[in-house]
C-alpha atoms as a PDB file:
ATOM      1  CA  UNK A   1      21.502   5.976   8.189  1.00  0.00           C
ATOM      2  CA  UNK A   2      18.682   5.932  10.760  1.00  0.00           C
ATOM      3  CA  UNK A   3      19.148   3.069  13.251  1.00  0.00           C
ATOM      4  CA  UNK A   4      16.505   0.347  13.087  1.00  0.00           C
ATOM      5  CA  UNK A   5      15.044  -0.908  16.355  1.00  0.00           C
ATOM      6  CA  UNK A   6      13.703  -4.469  16.603  1.00  0.00           C
ATOM      7  CA  UNK A   7      10.011  -5.238  16.466  1.00  0.00           C
ATOM      8  CA  UNK A   8       8.162  -8.227  17.886  1.00  0.00           C
ATOM      9  CA  UNK A   9       6.492  -8.596  14.489  1.00  0.00           C
ATOM     10  CA  UNK A  10       8.577  -8.518  11.351  1.00  0.00           C
ATOM     11  CA  UNK A  11       7.132  -7.131   9.192  1.00  0.00           C
ATOM     12  CA  UNK A  12       4.773  -5.009  11.282  1.00  0.00           C
ATOM     13  CA  UNK A  13       1.051  -5.322  10.586  1.00  0.00           C
ATOM     14  CA  UNK A  14      -0.264  -2.707   8.114  1.00  0.00           C
ATOM     15  CA  UNK A  15      -3.780  -1.637   9.109  1.00  0.00           C
ATOM     16  CA  UNK A  16      -6.000   0.453   6.850  1.00  0.00           C
ATOM     17  CA  UNK A  17      -8.435   2.613   8.822  1.00  0.00           C
ATOM     18  CA  UNK A  18     -11.972   1.816   7.690  1.00  0.00           C
ATOM     19  CA  UNK A  19     -14.389   4.705   7.371  1.00  0.00           C
ATOM     20  CA  UNK A  20     -11.744   7.442   7.359  1.00  0.00           C
ATOM     21  CA  UNK A  21     -12.113   7.904   3.595  1.00  0.00           C
ATOM     22  CA  UNK A  22     -14.599   7.116   0.833  1.00  0.00           C
ATOM     23  CA  UNK A  23     -12.843   3.832   0.069  1.00  0.00           C
ATOM     24  CA  UNK A  24     -14.780   0.720   1.033  1.00  0.00           C
ATOM     25  CA  UNK A  25     -13.368  -1.959   3.323  1.00  0.00           C
ATOM     26  CA  UNK A  26     -13.147  -4.307   0.336  1.00  0.00           C
ATOM     27  CA  UNK A  27     -11.196  -1.741  -1.694  1.00  0.00           C
ATOM     28  CA  UNK A  28      -8.770  -1.064   1.163  1.00  0.00           C
ATOM     29  CA  UNK A  29      -8.118  -4.760   1.662  1.00  0.00           C
ATOM     30  CA  UNK A  30      -7.657  -5.264  -2.071  1.00  0.00           C
ATOM     31  CA  UNK A  31      -4.882  -2.643  -2.151  1.00  0.00           C
ATOM     32  CA  UNK A  32      -3.086  -4.287   0.768  1.00  0.00           C
ATOM     33  CA  UNK A  33      -3.608  -7.836  -0.492  1.00  0.00           C
ATOM     34  CA  UNK A  34      -2.138  -6.974  -3.895  1.00  0.00           C
ATOM     35  CA  UNK A  35       1.214  -6.018  -2.361  1.00  0.00           C
ATOM     36  CA  UNK A  36       1.571  -7.584   1.096  1.00  0.00           C
ATOM     37  CA  UNK A  37       1.766 -11.156   2.311  1.00  0.00           C
ATOM     38  CA  UNK A  38      -1.248 -12.784   4.015  1.00  0.00           C
ATOM     39  CA  UNK A  39      -1.241 -12.306   7.765  1.00  0.00           C
ATOM     40  CA  UNK A  40       0.698  -9.020   7.601  1.00  0.00           C
ATOM     41  CA  UNK A  41      -2.121  -6.579   6.884  1.00  0.00           C
ATOM     42  CA  UNK A  42      -5.693  -5.832   7.877  1.00  0.00           C
ATOM     43  CA  UNK A  43      -8.434  -3.370   8.729  1.00  0.00           C
ATOM     44  CA  UNK A  44      -8.933  -1.143  11.769  1.00  0.00           C
ATOM     45  CA  UNK A  45     -12.450   0.091  12.476  1.00  0.00           C
ATOM     46  CA  UNK A  46     -15.293   0.164  14.971  1.00  0.00           C
ATOM     47  CA  UNK A  47     -17.837  -2.557  15.746  1.00  0.00           C
ATOM     48  CA  UNK A  48     -21.525  -2.062  16.534  1.00  0.00           C
ATOM     49  CA  UNK A  49     -24.484  -4.362  17.099  1.00  0.00           C
ATOM     50  CA  UNK A  50     -27.560  -4.442  14.894  1.00  0.00           C
ATOM     51  CA  UNK A  51     -31.044  -4.778  16.341  1.00  0.00           C
ATOM     52  CA  UNK A  52     -30.878  -8.546  15.859  1.00  0.00           C
ATOM     53  CA  UNK A  53     -27.502  -8.832  17.575  1.00  0.00           C
ATOM     54  CA  UNK A  54     -25.088  -9.081  14.631  1.00  0.00           C
ATOM     55  CA  UNK A  55     -21.729  -7.249  14.892  1.00  0.00           C
ATOM     56  CA  UNK A  56     -21.032  -4.947  11.979  1.00  0.00           C
ATOM     57  CA  UNK A  57     -18.163  -2.618  11.084  1.00  0.00           C
ATOM     58  CA  UNK A  58     -18.814   1.073  10.435  1.00  0.00           C
ATOM     59  CA  UNK A  59     -17.225   4.401  11.305  1.00  0.00           C
ATOM     60  CA  UNK A  60     -20.221   5.550  13.349  1.00  0.00           C
ATOM     61  CA  UNK A  61     -23.098   4.171  15.380  1.00  0.00           C
ATOM     62  CA  UNK A  62     -25.616   5.864  13.078  1.00  0.00           C
ATOM     63  CA  UNK A  63     -26.184   5.657   9.328  1.00  0.00           C
ATOM     64  CA  UNK A  64     -28.114   7.672   6.774  1.00  0.00           C
ATOM     65  CA  UNK A  65     -31.053   5.962   5.088  1.00  0.00           C
ATOM     66  CA  UNK A  66     -32.585   8.315   2.565  1.00  0.00           C
ATOM     67  CA  UNK A  67     -33.231  11.595   4.389  1.00  0.00           C
ATOM     68  CA  UNK A  68     -33.155   9.992   7.835  1.00  0.00           C
ATOM     69  CA  UNK A  69     -30.347   9.085  10.192  1.00  0.00           C
ATOM     70  CA  UNK A  70     -30.863   5.867  12.122  1.00  0.00           C
ATOM     71  CA  UNK A  71     -28.908   4.043  14.772  1.00  0.00           C
ATOM     72  CA  UNK A  72     -27.466   0.715  13.708  1.00  0.00           C
ATOM     73  CA  UNK A  73     -28.910  -0.692  16.915  1.00  0.00           C
ATOM     74  CA  UNK A  74     -32.392   0.017  15.460  1.00  0.00           C
ATOM     75  CA  UNK A  75     -31.754  -1.833  12.195  1.00  0.00           C
ATOM     76  CA  UNK A  76     -31.718  -5.546  11.453  1.00  0.00           C
ATOM     77  CA  UNK A  77     -28.775  -7.002   9.563  1.00  0.00           C
ATOM     78  CA  UNK A  78     -30.855  -7.220   6.375  1.00  0.00           C
ATOM     79  CA  UNK A  79     -31.656  -3.493   6.675  1.00  0.00           C
ATOM     80  CA  UNK A  80     -28.133  -2.072   6.961  1.00  0.00           C
ATOM     81  CA  UNK A  81     -26.798   0.122   4.114  1.00  0.00           C
ATOM     82  CA  UNK A  82     -24.161  -1.179   1.723  1.00  0.00           C
ATOM     83  CA  UNK A  83     -21.314   0.742   3.378  1.00  0.00           C
ATOM     84  CA  UNK A  84     -21.830  -1.151   6.652  1.00  0.00           C
ATOM     85  CA  UNK A  85     -19.885  -4.424   6.697  1.00  0.00           C
ATOM     86  CA  UNK A  86     -21.150  -7.630   8.262  1.00  0.00           C
ATOM     87  CA  UNK A  87     -18.306  -8.902  10.467  1.00  0.00           C
ATOM     88  CA  UNK A  88     -19.015 -12.526   9.591  1.00  0.00           C
ATOM     89  CA  UNK A  89     -18.532 -11.773   5.895  1.00  0.00           C
ATOM     90  CA  UNK A  90     -15.367  -9.783   6.607  1.00  0.00           C
ATOM     91  CA  UNK A  91     -13.803 -12.576   8.649  1.00  0.00           C
ATOM     92  CA  UNK A  92     -14.771 -15.146   6.059  1.00  0.00           C
ATOM     93  CA  UNK A  93     -12.753 -13.430   3.342  1.00  0.00           C
ATOM     94  CA  UNK A  94      -9.399 -14.634   2.002  1.00  0.00           C
ATOM     95  CA  UNK A  95      -5.932 -13.542   2.997  1.00  0.00           C
ATOM     96  CA  UNK A  96      -5.930 -14.001   6.780  1.00  0.00           C
ATOM     97  CA  UNK A  97      -6.466 -10.270   7.256  1.00  0.00           C
ATOM     98  CA  UNK A  98      -6.274  -8.857  10.769  1.00  0.00           C
ATOM     99  CA  UNK A  99      -9.388  -7.057  11.996  1.00  0.00           C
ATOM    100  CA  UNK A 100      -8.808  -4.552  14.821  1.00  0.00           C
ATOM    101  CA  UNK A 101     -12.095  -3.272  16.216  1.00  0.00           C
ATOM    102  CA  UNK A 102     -12.839  -0.490  18.661  1.00  0.00           C
ATOM    103  CA  UNK A 103     -15.448  -1.822  21.079  1.00  0.00           C
ATOM    104  CA  UNK A 104     -17.705   0.334  23.230  1.00  0.00           C
ATOM    105  CA  UNK A 105     -19.365  -2.165  25.553  1.00  0.00           C
ATOM    106  CA  UNK A 106     -19.258  -5.715  26.844  1.00  0.00           C
ATOM    107  CA  UNK A 107     -22.213  -6.919  24.758  1.00  0.00           C
ATOM    108  CA  UNK A 108     -20.475  -5.927  21.516  1.00  0.00           C
ATOM    109  CA  UNK A 109     -17.233  -7.531  22.686  1.00  0.00           C
ATOM    110  CA  UNK A 110     -19.069 -10.785  23.421  1.00  0.00           C
ATOM    111  CA  UNK A 111     -20.765 -10.788  20.000  1.00  0.00           C
ATOM    112  CA  UNK A 112     -17.496 -10.072  18.180  1.00  0.00           C
ATOM    113  CA  UNK A 113     -15.657 -12.791  20.098  1.00  0.00           C
ATOM    114  CA  UNK A 114     -18.443 -15.271  19.433  1.00  0.00           C
ATOM    115  CA  UNK A 115     -18.456 -14.447  15.710  1.00  0.00           C
ATOM    116  CA  UNK A 116     -14.665 -14.679  15.536  1.00  0.00           C
ATOM    117  CA  UNK A 117     -14.731 -18.074  17.222  1.00  0.00           C
ATOM    118  CA  UNK A 118     -17.393 -19.370  14.849  1.00  0.00           C
ATOM    119  CA  UNK A 119     -15.687 -18.117  11.697  1.00  0.00           C
ATOM    120  CA  UNK A 120     -12.015 -18.586  12.602  1.00  0.00           C
ATOM    121  CA  UNK A 121     -12.097 -21.472  15.052  1.00  0.00           C
ATOM    122  CA  UNK A 122      -8.629 -22.727  14.142  1.00  0.00           C
ATOM    123  CA  UNK A 123      -6.836 -19.367  14.275  1.00  0.00           C
ATOM    124  CA  UNK A 124      -3.975 -18.810  16.726  1.00  0.00           C
ATOM    125  CA  UNK A 125      -4.427 -16.222  19.460  1.00  0.00           C
ATOM    126  CA  UNK A 126      -4.266 -12.681  18.131  1.00  0.00           C
ATOM    127  CA  UNK A 127      -3.772 -13.776  14.539  1.00  0.00           C
ATOM    128  CA  UNK A 128      -6.865 -12.162  13.079  1.00  0.00           C
ATOM    129  CA  UNK A 129      -9.350 -10.485  15.467  1.00  0.00           C
ATOM    130  CA  UNK A 130      -8.403  -7.815  17.984  1.00  0.00           C
ATOM    131  CA  UNK A 131     -10.698  -6.038  20.465  1.00  0.00           C
ATOM    132  CA  UNK A 132      -9.620  -2.463  21.232  1.00  0.00           C
ATOM    133  CA  UNK A 133     -10.733  -0.150  24.030  1.00  0.00           C
ATOM    134  CA  UNK A 134      -9.327   2.881  25.846  1.00  0.00           C
ATOM    135  CA  UNK A 135      -9.808   1.170  29.229  1.00  0.00           C
ATOM    136  CA  UNK A 136      -7.124  -1.472  29.809  1.00  0.00           C
ATOM    137  CA  UNK A 137      -9.124  -2.978  32.687  1.00  0.00           C
ATOM    138  CA  UNK A 138     -12.078  -3.529  30.368  1.00  0.00           C
ATOM    139  CA  UNK A 139      -9.747  -5.080  27.807  1.00  0.00           C
ATOM    140  CA  UNK A 140      -8.355  -7.403  30.472  1.00  0.00           C
ATOM    141  CA  UNK A 141     -11.874  -8.481  31.421  1.00  0.00           C
ATOM    142  CA  UNK A 142     -12.449  -9.616  27.819  1.00  0.00           C
ATOM    143  CA  UNK A 143      -9.682 -12.201  28.042  1.00  0.00           C
ATOM    144  CA  UNK A 144     -12.279 -14.561  29.520  1.00  0.00           C
ATOM    145  CA  UNK A 145     -14.264 -14.385  26.269  1.00  0.00           C
ATOM    146  CA  UNK A 146     -11.699 -16.245  24.206  1.00  0.00           C
ATOM    147  CA  UNK A 147      -8.033 -17.111  23.986  1.00  0.00           C
ATOM    148  CA  UNK A 148      -8.301 -16.771  20.204  1.00  0.00           C
ATOM    149  CA  UNK A 149      -8.557 -12.976  20.120  1.00  0.00           C
ATOM    150  CA  UNK A 150      -6.055 -10.189  20.630  1.00  0.00           C
ATOM    151  CA  UNK A 151      -6.686  -7.414  23.139  1.00  0.00           C
ATOM    152  CA  UNK A 152      -5.548  -3.818  22.602  1.00  0.00           C
ATOM    153  CA  UNK A 153      -5.461  -1.033  25.193  1.00  0.00           C
ATOM    154  CA  UNK A 154      -5.577   2.323  23.411  1.00  0.00           C
ATOM    155  CA  UNK A 155      -4.353   5.365  25.314  1.00  0.00           C
ATOM    156  CA  UNK A 156      -2.074   8.423  25.201  1.00  0.00           C
ATOM    157  CA  UNK A 157       1.261   8.905  26.899  1.00  0.00           C
ATOM    158  CA  UNK A 158      -0.032  11.840  28.951  1.00  0.00           C
ATOM    159  CA  UNK A 159      -2.857   9.675  30.335  1.00  0.00           C
ATOM    160  CA  UNK A 160      -0.510   7.115  31.891  1.00  0.00           C
ATOM    161  CA  UNK A 161      -0.981   8.188  35.489  1.00  0.00           C
ATOM    162  CA  UNK A 162       1.759   5.959  36.888  1.00  0.00           C
ATOM    163  CA  UNK A 163       4.089   6.117  33.898  1.00  0.00           C
ATOM    164  CA  UNK A 164       4.698   3.769  30.964  1.00  0.00           C
ATOM    165  CA  UNK A 165       6.619   1.072  32.854  1.00  0.00           C
ATOM    166  CA  UNK A 166       3.852   0.626  35.409  1.00  0.00           C
ATOM    167  CA  UNK A 167       1.278   0.614  32.605  1.00  0.00           C
ATOM    168  CA  UNK A 168       3.223  -2.023  30.702  1.00  0.00           C
ATOM    169  CA  UNK A 169       3.282  -4.217  33.790  1.00  0.00           C
ATOM    170  CA  UNK A 170      -0.453  -3.770  34.379  1.00  0.00           C
ATOM    171  CA  UNK A 171      -1.525  -4.639  30.837  1.00  0.00           C
ATOM    172  CA  UNK A 172       0.852  -7.586  30.758  1.00  0.00           C
ATOM    173  CA  UNK A 173      -0.495  -8.961  34.033  1.00  0.00           C
ATOM    174  CA  UNK A 174      -4.041  -8.414  32.727  1.00  0.00           C
ATOM    175  CA  UNK A 175      -3.437 -10.489  29.609  1.00  0.00           C
ATOM    176  CA  UNK A 176      -3.755  -7.517  27.240  1.00  0.00           C
ATOM    177  CA  UNK A 177      -1.659  -8.192  24.146  1.00  0.00           C
ATOM    178  CA  UNK A 178      -0.939  -4.729  22.784  1.00  0.00           C
ATOM    179  CA  UNK A 179      -0.855  -1.037  23.591  1.00  0.00           C
ATOM    180  CA  UNK A 180      -1.861   1.552  21.005  1.00  0.00           C
ATOM    181  CA  UNK A 181      -0.557   5.122  21.207  1.00  0.00           C
ATOM    182  CA  UNK A 182      -0.832   7.985  18.715  1.00  0.00           C
ATOM    183  CA  UNK A 183       1.956   8.233  16.177  1.00  0.00           C
ATOM    184  CA  UNK A 184       3.641  11.167  17.939  1.00  0.00           C
ATOM    185  CA  UNK A 185       3.824   9.439  21.333  1.00  0.00           C
ATOM    186  CA  UNK A 186       6.042   6.533  20.314  1.00  0.00           C
ATOM    187  CA  UNK A 187       9.817   6.604  20.793  1.00  0.00           C
ATOM    188  CA  UNK A 188      12.450   3.869  20.514  1.00  0.00           C
ATOM    189  CA  UNK A 189      12.625   3.788  24.303  1.00  0.00           C
ATOM    190  CA  UNK A 190       8.881   3.188  24.618  1.00  0.00           C
ATOM    191  CA  UNK A 191       8.736   0.391  22.059  1.00  0.00           C
ATOM    192  CA  UNK A 192      11.697  -1.257  23.786  1.00  0.00           C
ATOM    193  CA  UNK A 193       9.957  -0.912  27.152  1.00  0.00           C
ATOM    194  CA  UNK A 194       6.687  -2.516  26.043  1.00  0.00           C
ATOM    195  CA  UNK A 195       8.563  -5.248  24.184  1.00  0.00           C
ATOM    196  CA  UNK A 196      10.417  -6.057  27.393  1.00  0.00           C
ATOM    197  CA  UNK A 197       7.018  -6.904  28.890  1.00  0.00           C
ATOM    198  CA  UNK A 198       6.088  -8.918  25.803  1.00  0.00           C
ATOM    199  CA  UNK A 199       3.470  -6.394  24.650  1.00  0.00           C
ATOM    200  CA  UNK A 200       3.012  -5.306  21.042  1.00  0.00           C
ATOM    201  CA  UNK A 201       3.310  -1.617  20.161  1.00  0.00           C
ATOM    202  CA  UNK A 202       0.576  -0.334  17.840  1.00  0.00           C
ATOM    203  CA  UNK A 203       0.606   3.176  16.391  1.00  0.00           C
ATOM    204  CA  UNK A 204      -1.598   5.523  14.453  1.00  0.00           C
ATOM    205  CA  UNK A 205      -3.424   6.424  12.506  1.00  0.00           C
ATOM    206  CA  UNK A 206      -0.703   8.388  10.704  1.00  0.00           C
ATOM    207  CA  UNK A 207      -1.446  10.199   7.424  1.00  0.00           C
ATOM    208  CA  UNK A 208       2.016  10.442   5.869  1.00  0.00           C
ATOM    209  CA  UNK A 209       4.372   7.801   4.543  1.00  0.00           C
ATOM    210  CA  UNK A 210       7.395   9.373   6.254  1.00  0.00           C
ATOM    211  CA  UNK A 211       5.623   9.033   9.613  1.00  0.00           C
ATOM    212  CA  UNK A 212       4.772   5.398   8.921  1.00  0.00           C
ATOM    213  CA  UNK A 213       8.347   4.595   7.901  1.00  0.00           C
ATOM    214  CA  UNK A 214       9.658   6.292  11.043  1.00  0.00           C
ATOM    215  CA  UNK A 215       7.317   4.173  13.180  1.00  0.00           C
ATOM    216  CA  UNK A 216       8.629   0.985  11.606  1.00  0.00           C
ATOM    217  CA  UNK A 217      12.191   2.182  12.203  1.00  0.00           C
ATOM    218  CA  UNK A 218      11.584   2.614  15.946  1.00  0.00           C
ATOM    219  CA  UNK A 219      10.213  -0.914  16.332  1.00  0.00           C
ATOM    220  CA  UNK A 220       6.436  -0.463  16.245  1.00  0.00           C
ATOM    221  CA  UNK A 221       4.586  -3.757  15.616  1.00  0.00           C
ATOM    222  CA  UNK A 222       1.508  -2.381  13.798  1.00  0.00           C
ATOM    223  CA  UNK A 223       1.021   0.827  11.824  1.00  0.00           C
ATOM    224  CA  UNK A 224      -2.302   2.258  10.722  1.00  0.00           C
ATOM    225  CA  UNK A 225      -3.422   4.875   8.228  1.00  0.00           C
ATOM    226  CA  UNK A 226      -6.490   5.818   6.232  1.00  0.00           C
ATOM    227  CA  UNK A 227      -4.302   5.574   3.109  1.00  0.00           C
ATOM    228  CA  UNK A 228      -3.736   1.943   2.142  1.00  0.00           C
ATOM    229  CA  UNK A 229      -1.255   2.892  -0.603  1.00  0.00           C
ATOM    230  CA  UNK A 230       0.918   4.733   1.900  1.00  0.00           C
ATOM    231  CA  UNK A 231       0.986   1.713   4.170  1.00  0.00           C
ATOM    232  CA  UNK A 232       2.250  -0.385   1.251  1.00  0.00           C
ATOM    233  CA  UNK A 233       4.892   2.224   0.379  1.00  0.00           C
ATOM    234  CA  UNK A 234       5.995   2.575   3.997  1.00  0.00           C
ATOM    235  CA  UNK A 235       6.403  -1.163   4.428  1.00  0.00           C
ATOM    236  CA  UNK A 236       8.441  -1.388   1.221  1.00  0.00           C
ATOM    237  CA  UNK A 237      10.598   1.626   2.098  1.00  0.00           C
ATOM    238  CA  UNK A 238      11.245   0.339   5.599  1.00  0.00           C
ATOM    239  CA  UNK A 239      12.297  -2.999   4.126  1.00  0.00           C
ATOM    240  CA  UNK A 240      14.872  -1.217   1.991  1.00  0.00           C
ATOM    241  CA  UNK A 241      13.011  -1.496  -1.293  1.00  0.00           C
ATOM    242  CA  UNK A 242      10.866   1.635  -1.671  1.00  0.00           C
ATOM    243  CA  UNK A 243       8.169   1.487  -4.297  1.00  0.00           C
ATOM    244  CA  UNK A 244       8.670   5.181  -5.178  1.00  0.00           C
ATOM    245  CA  UNK A 245      11.230   7.928  -4.793  1.00  0.00           C
ATOM    246  CA  UNK A 246      12.172   7.782  -1.090  1.00  0.00           C
ATOM    247  CA  UNK A 247      12.229  11.553  -0.894  1.00  0.00           C
ATOM    248  CA  UNK A 248       8.642  12.187  -1.891  1.00  0.00           C
ATOM    249  CA  UNK A 249       6.107  10.185  -3.852  1.00  0.00           C
ATOM    250  CA  UNK A 250       4.041  11.896  -6.490  1.00  0.00           C
ATOM    251  CA  UNK A 251       1.006  10.354  -4.819  1.00  0.00           C
ATOM    252  CA  UNK A 252       1.935  10.521  -1.170  1.00  0.00           C
ATOM    253  CA  UNK A 253       3.758  12.940   1.131  1.00  0.00           C
END
């Protein structure tokens, strides 16, 4: 039997990647909500600002309107297409879903934090809204925006100039809550290292259930995939009660 390494979150958060498939954010959340407990699942995507300053969730900064492509920054909230999600509506939904958002600039981070504070004023730190960037220093600077948000530094193992232990110390001292690495970068030793500094280990996105199960087994605190059904299966399999044949699902590899 494969040894199971401890996680700081049990069960780990299951995050469906918004925009990676044709499924809408609402459909992805519905799949997760039907099988997982509130507060243990959510959406991972990217946030952008509309022309009138509203944060919205979409896979890209531009959208197609008819035959034209337009930047979201040129459209008002009442002009955005149906596949673009208003963050205020998303946060106001049921189920205490986590929302992990890639943020490209300080203005978007400020708008997201302000919206999160207005909609989820009573939420504990990191419980629902997470700001993610590939610059840990930028993430650390966003701690001043709110204590009621989680901060995620996304990187790759090969980019850690001074090694993982030094990086763990830096993000911890900067008040960054979590580190995200690609699925293939995580090892039991790395999750243990970041946990020693009190930092969450986030992984993905990973396409296959076997990868997601392996991540849970090595102690990762959040797993992500564009396939919501595979997240549900991986969580069940890792808990010892697989929803399908543990060798190979008819629906998922």
